[in-house]
Amino acid sequence: MKKIAFILVMALQIAACTEVGSDEWCSDMDTKAKGDWTANEAKDYAKHCIF
């Protein structure tokens, strides 16, 4: 059980490592529903992925 918890924690940490403004981050935001974006995410998307 501890191994499963450890693997889940590590997977979440790796998934959260995308840098704001990177190509991967922009792609992730493209697939995320626009209604689920925070105000900061929308601002960062416009700043880094559009302009």
Protein backbone atom coordinates (compact mmCIF):
# COMPACT_ATOMS: atom_id res chain seq x y z
CA MET A 1 0.00 0.00 0.00
CA LYS A 2 2.87 2.37 0.77
CA LYS A 3 4.40 1.72 -2.64
CA ILE A 4 1.18 2.67 -4.40
CA ALA A 5 0.89 5.88 -2.38
CA PHE A 6 4.52 6.73 -3.15
CA ILE A 7 4.01 6.16 -6.87
CA LEU A 8 0.92 8.36 -6.90
CA VAL A 9 2.72 11.16 -5.07
CA MET A 10 5.66 11.00 -7.47
CA ALA A 11 3.37 11.01 -10.51
CA LEU A 12 1.57 14.11 -9.24
CA GLN A 13 4.86 15.90 -8.64
CA ILE A 14 6.09 15.09 -12.12
CA ALA A 15 2.82 16.22 -13.69
CA ALA A 16 2.96 19.52 -11.82
CA CYS A 17 6.46 20.31 -13.08
CA THR A 18 5.44 21.90 -16.37
CA GLU A 19 6.70 25.46 -16.52
CA VAL A 20 4.15 28.16 -17.19
CA GLY A 21 4.54 29.34 -20.76
CA SER A 22 6.26 26.21 -22.05
CA ASP A 23 4.91 24.48 -25.15
CA GLU A 24 3.76 21.55 -23.00
CA TRP A 25 1.93 23.89 -20.61
CA CYS A 26 0.18 25.65 -23.51
CA SER A 27 -0.88 22.27 -24.92
CA ASP A 28 -2.20 21.20 -21.52
CA MET A 29 -4.18 24.42 -21.24
CA ASP A 30 -5.61 23.90 -24.74
CA THR A 31 -7.06 20.56 -23.64
CA LYS A 32 -8.34 21.88 -20.30
CA ALA A 33 -11.91 23.23 -20.33
CA LYS A 34 -11.87 27.04 -20.46
CA GLY A 35 -14.43 27.18 -17.63
CA ASP A 36 -11.95 25.41 -15.34
CA TRP A 37 -9.18 27.98 -15.84
CA THR A 38 -8.30 30.31 -13.00
CA ALA A 39 -7.87 34.03 -13.67
CA ASN A 40 -4.10 33.63 -13.34
CA GLU A 41 -4.05 30.73 -15.79
CA ALA A 42 -6.03 32.75 -18.33
CA LYS A 43 -3.68 35.72 -17.95
CA ASP A 44 -0.59 33.50 -18.28
CA TYR A 45 -2.07 31.72 -21.31
CA ALA A 46 -2.74 35.01 -23.06
CA LYS A 47 0.72 36.32 -22.17
CA HIS A 48 2.77 33.25 -23.11
CA CYS A 49 0.74 31.29 -25.64
CA ILE A 50 -1.08 33.94 -27.67
CA PHE A 51 1.10 37.06 -27.66
